[in-house]
């Protein structure tokens, strides 16, 4: 999840940079979507990384027959 958030943020920023200083509706939408992603999704990376480092084992200890 953390890596996908990072990759999508990278793609939004690339698209925003490619749109440059344009002010048509499409470019403004790209810029706004990139701002949204950076403001709301990038902060999730730290929390997702801490889950990876936590040692929480519920998914490891799950047995197929329990499903």
PDB file of N, CA and C in Angstrom:
ATOM      1  N   UNK A   1       0.816  -1.195   0.000  1.00  0.00           N
ATOM      2  CA  UNK A   1       0.000   0.000   0.000  1.00  0.00           C
ATOM      3  C   UNK A   1       0.862   1.262   0.000  1.00  0.00           C
ATOM      4  N   UNK A   2       1.888   1.260   0.848  1.00  0.00           N
ATOM      5  CA  UNK A   2       2.745   2.448   0.936  1.00  0.00           C
ATOM      6  C   UNK A   2       3.409   2.740  -0.404  1.00  0.00           C
ATOM      7  N   UNK A   3       3.881   1.700  -1.054  1.00  0.00           N
ATOM      8  CA  UNK A   3       4.555   1.904  -2.340  1.00  0.00           C
ATOM      9  C   UNK A   3       3.571   2.415  -3.396  1.00  0.00           C
ATOM     10  N   UNK A   4       2.349   1.905  -3.383  1.00  0.00           N
ATOM     11  CA  UNK A   4       1.379   2.377  -4.374  1.00  0.00           C
ATOM     12  C   UNK A   4       1.020   3.841  -4.140  1.00  0.00           C
ATOM     13  N   UNK A   5       0.912   4.254  -2.883  1.00  0.00           N
ATOM     14  CA  UNK A   5       0.648   5.663  -2.580  1.00  0.00           C
ATOM     15  C   UNK A   5       1.779   6.529  -3.130  1.00  0.00           C
ATOM     16  N   UNK A   6       3.009   6.077  -2.924  1.00  0.00           N
ATOM     17  CA  UNK A   6       4.163   6.827  -3.407  1.00  0.00           C
ATOM     18  C   UNK A   6       4.194   6.907  -4.933  1.00  0.00           C
ATOM     19  N   UNK A   7       3.920   5.791  -5.600  1.00  0.00           N
ATOM     20  CA  UNK A   7       3.955   5.777  -7.065  1.00  0.00           C
ATOM     21  C   UNK A   7       2.848   6.659  -7.652  1.00  0.00           C
ATOM     22  N   UNK A   8       1.660   6.587  -7.088  1.00  0.00           N
ATOM     23  CA  UNK A   8       0.569   7.427  -7.588  1.00  0.00           C
ATOM     24  C   UNK A   8       0.891   8.908  -7.362  1.00  0.00           C
ATOM     25  N   UNK A   9       1.478   9.229  -6.219  1.00  0.00           N
ATOM     26  CA  UNK A   9       1.881  10.623  -5.964  1.00  0.00           C
ATOM     27  C   UNK A   9       2.912  11.073  -6.989  1.00  0.00           C
ATOM     28  N   UNK A  10       3.853  10.206  -7.284  1.00  0.00           N
ATOM     29  CA  UNK A  10       4.879  10.516  -8.283  1.00  0.00           C
ATOM     30  C   UNK A  10       4.226  10.787  -9.642  1.00  0.00           C
ATOM     31  N   UNK A  11       3.266   9.953 -10.026  1.00  0.00           N
ATOM     32  CA  UNK A  11       2.598  10.137 -11.315  1.00  0.00           C
ATOM     33  C   UNK A  11       1.789  11.439 -11.350  1.00  0.00           C
ATOM     34  N   UNK A  12       1.074  11.758 -10.271  1.00  0.00           N
ATOM     35  CA  UNK A  12       0.322  13.017 -10.230  1.00  0.00           C
ATOM     36  C   UNK A  12       1.254  14.211 -10.342  1.00  0.00           C
ATOM     37  N   UNK A  13       2.384  14.162  -9.640  1.00  0.00           N
ATOM     38  CA  UNK A  13       3.307  15.299  -9.726  1.00  0.00           C
ATOM     39  C   UNK A  13       3.935  15.391 -11.118  1.00  0.00           C
ATOM     40  N   UNK A  14       4.206  14.254 -11.750  1.00  0.00           N
ATOM     41  CA  UNK A  14       4.718  14.289 -13.132  1.00  0.00           C
ATOM     42  C   UNK A  14       3.691  14.902 -14.081  1.00  0.00           C
ATOM     43  N   UNK A  15       2.428  14.495 -13.929  1.00  0.00           N
ATOM     44  CA  UNK A  15       1.381  15.043 -14.800  1.00  0.00           C
ATOM     45  C   UNK A  15       1.184  16.530 -14.545  1.00  0.00           C
ATOM     46  N   UNK A  16       1.254  16.934 -13.281  1.00  0.00           N
ATOM     47  CA  UNK A  16       1.100  18.347 -12.945  1.00  0.00           C
ATOM     48  C   UNK A  16       2.246  19.157 -13.534  1.00  0.00           C
ATOM     49  N   UNK A  17       3.456  18.636 -13.439  1.00  0.00           N
ATOM     50  CA  UNK A  17       4.607  19.333 -14.023  1.00  0.00           C
ATOM     51  C   UNK A  17       4.474  19.424 -15.538  1.00  0.00           C
ATOM     52  N   UNK A  18       3.975  18.365 -16.172  1.00  0.00           N
ATOM     53  CA  UNK A  18       3.801  18.364 -17.622  1.00  0.00           C
ATOM     54  C   UNK A  18       2.747  19.378 -18.051  1.00  0.00           C
ATOM     55  N   UNK A  19       1.730  19.579 -17.205  1.00  0.00           N
ATOM     56  CA  UNK A  19       0.691  20.559 -17.526  1.00  0.00           C
ATOM     57  C   UNK A  19       1.226  21.983 -17.390  1.00  0.00           C
ATOM     58  N   UNK A  20       2.320  22.125 -16.655  1.00  0.00           N
ATOM     59  CA  UNK A  20       2.991  23.420 -16.534  1.00  0.00           C
ATOM     60  C   UNK A  20       2.084  24.528 -16.039  1.00  0.00           C
ATOM     61  N   UNK A  21       2.224  25.673 -16.619  1.00  0.00           N
ATOM     62  CA  UNK A  21       1.464  26.845 -16.212  1.00  0.00           C
ATOM     63  C   UNK A  21       0.155  27.020 -16.959  1.00  0.00           C
ATOM     64  N   UNK A  22      -0.290  25.955 -17.631  1.00  0.00           N
ATOM     65  CA  UNK A  22      -1.558  26.064 -18.370  1.00  0.00           C
ATOM     66  C   UNK A  22      -2.699  26.370 -17.411  1.00  0.00           C
ATOM     67  N   UNK A  23      -3.735  27.014 -17.935  1.00  0.00           N
ATOM     68  CA  UNK A  23      -4.873  27.363 -17.085  1.00  0.00           C
ATOM     69  C   UNK A  23      -6.201  26.860 -17.645  1.00  0.00           C
ATOM     70  N   UNK A  24      -6.132  25.921 -18.585  1.00  0.00           N
ATOM     71  CA  UNK A  24      -7.394  25.345 -19.078  1.00  0.00           C
ATOM     72  C   UNK A  24      -7.950  24.402 -18.016  1.00  0.00           C
ATOM     73  N   UNK A  25      -9.211  24.044 -18.158  1.00  0.00           N
ATOM     74  CA  UNK A  25      -9.878  23.229 -17.143  1.00  0.00           C
ATOM     75  C   UNK A  25      -9.173  21.900 -16.897  1.00  0.00           C
ATOM     76  N   UNK A  26      -8.710  21.250 -17.935  1.00  0.00           N
ATOM     77  CA  UNK A  26      -8.049  19.952 -17.762  1.00  0.00           C
ATOM     78  C   UNK A  26      -6.775  20.104 -16.931  1.00  0.00           C
ATOM     79  N   UNK A  27      -5.952  21.088 -17.272  1.00  0.00           N
ATOM     80  CA  UNK A  27      -4.706  21.313 -16.537  1.00  0.00           C
ATOM     81  C   UNK A  27      -4.978  21.696 -15.088  1.00  0.00           C
ATOM     82  N   UNK A  28      -5.968  22.546 -14.878  1.00  0.00           N
ATOM     83  CA  UNK A  28      -6.311  22.933 -13.508  1.00  0.00           C
ATOM     84  C   UNK A  28      -6.788  21.727 -12.705  1.00  0.00           C
ATOM     85  N   UNK A  29      -7.518  20.825 -13.350  1.00  0.00           N
ATOM     86  CA  UNK A  29      -7.952  19.601 -12.685  1.00  0.00           C
ATOM     87  C   UNK A  29      -6.780  18.714 -12.308  1.00  0.00           C
ATOM     88  N   UNK A  30      -5.807  18.603 -13.202  1.00  0.00           N
ATOM     89  CA  UNK A  30      -4.600  17.819 -12.924  1.00  0.00           C
ATOM     90  C   UNK A  30      -3.848  18.414 -11.731  1.00  0.00           C
ATOM     91  N   UNK A  31      -3.658  19.735 -11.741  1.00  0.00           N
ATOM     92  CA  UNK A  31      -2.951  20.398 -10.641  1.00  0.00           C
ATOM     93  C   UNK A  31      -3.680  20.178  -9.311  1.00  0.00           C
ATOM     94  N   UNK A  32      -4.994  20.303  -9.337  1.00  0.00           N
ATOM     95  CA  UNK A  32      -5.766  20.156  -8.099  1.00  0.00           C
ATOM     96  C   UNK A  32      -5.726  18.718  -7.601  1.00  0.00           C
ATOM     97  N   UNK A  33      -5.827  17.759  -8.501  1.00  0.00           N
ATOM     98  CA  UNK A  33      -5.754  16.350  -8.105  1.00  0.00           C
ATOM     99  C   UNK A  33      -4.391  16.035  -7.496  1.00  0.00           C
ATOM    100  N   UNK A  34      -3.333  16.586  -8.071  1.00  0.00           N
ATOM    101  CA  UNK A  34      -1.988  16.376  -7.522  1.00  0.00           C
ATOM    102  C   UNK A  34      -1.886  16.991  -6.124  1.00  0.00           C
ATOM    103  N   UNK A  35      -2.413  18.190  -5.946  1.00  0.00           N
ATOM    104  CA  UNK A  35      -2.387  18.821  -4.619  1.00  0.00           C
ATOM    105  C   UNK A  35      -3.149  17.987  -3.608  1.00  0.00           C
ATOM    106  N   UNK A  36      -4.316  17.497  -4.011  1.00  0.00           N
ATOM    107  CA  UNK A  36      -5.117  16.652  -3.113  1.00  0.00           C
ATOM    108  C   UNK A  36      -4.323  15.419  -2.696  1.00  0.00           C
ATOM    109  N   UNK A  37      -3.724  14.732  -3.665  1.00  0.00           N
ATOM    110  CA  UNK A  37      -3.014  13.486  -3.377  1.00  0.00           C
ATOM    111  C   UNK A  37      -1.854  13.730  -2.420  1.00  0.00           C
ATOM    112  N   UNK A  38      -1.087  14.782  -2.686  1.00  0.00           N
ATOM    113  CA  UNK A  38       0.062  15.089  -1.840  1.00  0.00           C
ATOM    114  C   UNK A  38      -0.392  15.464  -0.425  1.00  0.00           C
ATOM    115  N   UNK A  39      -1.473  16.211  -0.320  1.00  0.00           N
ATOM    116  CA  UNK A  39      -1.948  16.668   0.994  1.00  0.00           C
ATOM    117  C   UNK A  39      -2.605  15.571   1.810  1.00  0.00           C
ATOM    118  N   UNK A  40      -3.287  14.627   1.155  1.00  0.00           N
ATOM    119  CA  UNK A  40      -4.078  13.653   1.916  1.00  0.00           C
ATOM    120  C   UNK A  40      -3.532  12.238   1.912  1.00  0.00           C
ATOM    121  N   UNK A  41      -2.813  11.854   0.887  1.00  0.00           N
ATOM    122  CA  UNK A  41      -2.345  10.472   0.778  1.00  0.00           C
ATOM    123  C   UNK A  41      -0.891  10.289   1.207  1.00  0.00           C
ATOM    124  N   UNK A  42      -0.012  11.199   0.825  1.00  0.00           N
ATOM    125  CA  UNK A  42       1.400  11.090   1.207  1.00  0.00           C
ATOM    126  C   UNK A  42       1.565  10.936   2.728  1.00  0.00           C
ATOM    127  N   UNK A  43       0.821  11.671   3.554  1.00  0.00           N
ATOM    128  CA  UNK A  43       0.983  11.495   4.999  1.00  0.00           C
ATOM    129  C   UNK A  43       0.685  10.070   5.491  1.00  0.00           C
ATOM    130  N   UNK A  44      -0.057   9.300   4.723  1.00  0.00           N
ATOM    131  CA  UNK A  44      -0.369   7.924   5.118  1.00  0.00           C
ATOM    132  C   UNK A  44       0.841   7.002   5.040  1.00  0.00           C
ATOM    133  N   UNK A  45       1.865   7.380   4.278  1.00  0.00           N
ATOM    134  CA  UNK A  45       3.012   6.495   4.074  1.00  0.00           C
ATOM    135  C   UNK A  45       3.705   6.164   5.395  1.00  0.00           C
ATOM    136  N   UNK A  46       3.898   7.146   6.248  1.00  0.00           N
ATOM    137  CA  UNK A  46       4.570   6.900   7.533  1.00  0.00           C
ATOM    138  C   UNK A  46       3.787   5.895   8.372  1.00  0.00           C
ATOM    139  N   UNK A  47       2.475   6.036   8.409  1.00  0.00           N
ATOM    140  CA  UNK A  47       1.649   5.111   9.191  1.00  0.00           C
ATOM    141  C   UNK A  47       1.697   3.708   8.596  1.00  0.00           C
ATOM    142  N   UNK A  48       1.648   3.599   7.284  1.00  0.00           N
ATOM    143  CA  UNK A  48       1.723   2.289   6.635  1.00  0.00           C
ATOM    144  C   UNK A  48       3.084   1.638   6.867  1.00  0.00           C
ATOM    145  N   UNK A  49       4.144   2.426   6.819  1.00  0.00           N
ATOM    146  CA  UNK A  49       5.481   1.886   7.071  1.00  0.00           C
ATOM    147  C   UNK A  49       5.611   1.396   8.509  1.00  0.00           C
ATOM    148  N   UNK A  50       5.031   2.116   9.452  1.00  0.00           N
ATOM    149  CA  UNK A  50       5.108   1.676  10.849  1.00  0.00           C
ATOM    150  C   UNK A  50       4.364   0.362  11.054  1.00  0.00           C
ATOM    151  N   UNK A  51       3.295   0.133  10.306  1.00  0.00           N
ATOM    152  CA  UNK A  51       2.608  -1.166  10.387  1.00  0.00           C
ATOM    153  C   UNK A  51       3.518  -2.284   9.895  1.00  0.00           C
ATOM    154  N   UNK A  52       4.278  -2.027   8.842  1.00  0.00           N
ATOM    155  CA  UNK A  52       5.201  -3.036   8.320  1.00  0.00           C
ATOM    156  C   UNK A  52       6.273  -3.383   9.341  1.00  0.00           C
ATOM    157  N   UNK A  53       6.696  -2.406  10.099  1.00  0.00           N
ATOM    158  CA  UNK A  53       7.767  -2.592  11.076  1.00  0.00           C
ATOM    159  C   UNK A  53       7.266  -3.075  12.431  1.00  0.00           C
ATOM    160  N   UNK A  54       5.975  -3.154  12.621  1.00  0.00           N
ATOM    161  CA  UNK A  54       5.416  -3.417  13.949  1.00  0.00           C
ATOM    162  C   UNK A  54       5.572  -4.857  14.422  1.00  0.00           C
ATOM    163  N   UNK A  55       5.767  -5.771  13.514  1.00  0.00           N
ATOM    164  CA  UNK A  55       5.851  -7.170  13.913  1.00  0.00           C
ATOM    165  C   UNK A  55       4.481  -7.815  14.128  1.00  0.00           C
ATOM    166  N   UNK A  56       3.436  -7.114  13.803  1.00  0.00           N
ATOM    167  CA  UNK A  56       2.073  -7.646  13.940  1.00  0.00           C
ATOM    168  C   UNK A  56       1.956  -8.875  13.042  1.00  0.00           C
ATOM    169  N   UNK A  57       1.482 -10.004  13.596  1.00  0.00           N
ATOM    170  CA  UNK A  57       1.542 -11.280  12.901  1.00  0.00           C
ATOM    171  C   UNK A  57       0.187 -11.871  12.513  1.00  0.00           C
ATOM    172  N   UNK A  58      -0.896 -11.175  12.645  1.00  0.00           N
ATOM    173  CA  UNK A  58      -2.198 -11.787  12.402  1.00  0.00           C
ATOM    174  C   UNK A  58      -2.298 -12.407  11.012  1.00  0.00           C
ATOM    175  N   UNK A  59      -1.728 -11.785  10.017  1.00  0.00           N
ATOM    176  CA  UNK A  59      -1.807 -12.330   8.663  1.00  0.00           C
ATOM    177  C   UNK A  59      -0.881 -13.535   8.501  1.00  0.00           C
ATOM    178  N   UNK A  60       0.217 -13.593   9.235  1.00  0.00           N
ATOM    179  CA  UNK A  60       1.157 -14.701   9.142  1.00  0.00           C
ATOM    180  C   UNK A  60       0.602 -15.939   9.841  1.00  0.00           C
ATOM    181  N   UNK A  61      -0.060 -15.721  10.971  1.00  0.00           N
ATOM    182  CA  UNK A  61      -0.548 -16.832  11.782  1.00  0.00           C
ATOM    183  C   UNK A  61      -1.890 -17.383  11.307  1.00  0.00           C
ATOM    184  N   UNK A  62      -2.510 -16.754  10.331  1.00  0.00           N
ATOM    185  CA  UNK A  62      -3.794 -17.202   9.804  1.00  0.00           C
ATOM    186  C   UNK A  62      -3.619 -18.516   9.048  1.00  0.00           C
ATOM    187  N   UNK A  63      -4.490 -19.459   9.319  1.00  0.00           N
ATOM    188  CA  UNK A  63      -4.453 -20.752   8.631  1.00  0.00           C
ATOM    189  C   UNK A  63      -5.536 -20.777   7.556  1.00  0.00           C
ATOM    190  N   UNK A  64      -5.204 -21.349   6.423  1.00  0.00           N
ATOM    191  CA  UNK A  64      -6.131 -21.389   5.281  1.00  0.00           C
ATOM    192  C   UNK A  64      -7.450 -22.054   5.661  1.00  0.00           C
ATOM    193  N   UNK A  65      -7.393 -23.079   6.485  1.00  0.00           N
ATOM    194  CA  UNK A  65      -8.632 -23.803   6.847  1.00  0.00           C
ATOM    195  C   UNK A  65      -9.568 -22.967   7.705  1.00  0.00           C
ATOM    196  N   UNK A  66      -9.080 -21.893   8.284  1.00  0.00           N
ATOM    197  CA  UNK A  66      -9.954 -21.007   9.051  1.00  0.00           C
ATOM    198  C   UNK A  66     -10.845 -20.162   8.157  1.00  0.00           C
ATOM    199  N   UNK A  67     -10.503 -20.115   6.909  1.00  0.00           N
ATOM    200  CA  UNK A  67     -11.278 -19.284   5.982  1.00  0.00           C
ATOM    201  C   UNK A  67     -12.290 -20.114   5.322  1.00  0.00           C
TER     202      UNK A  67
END
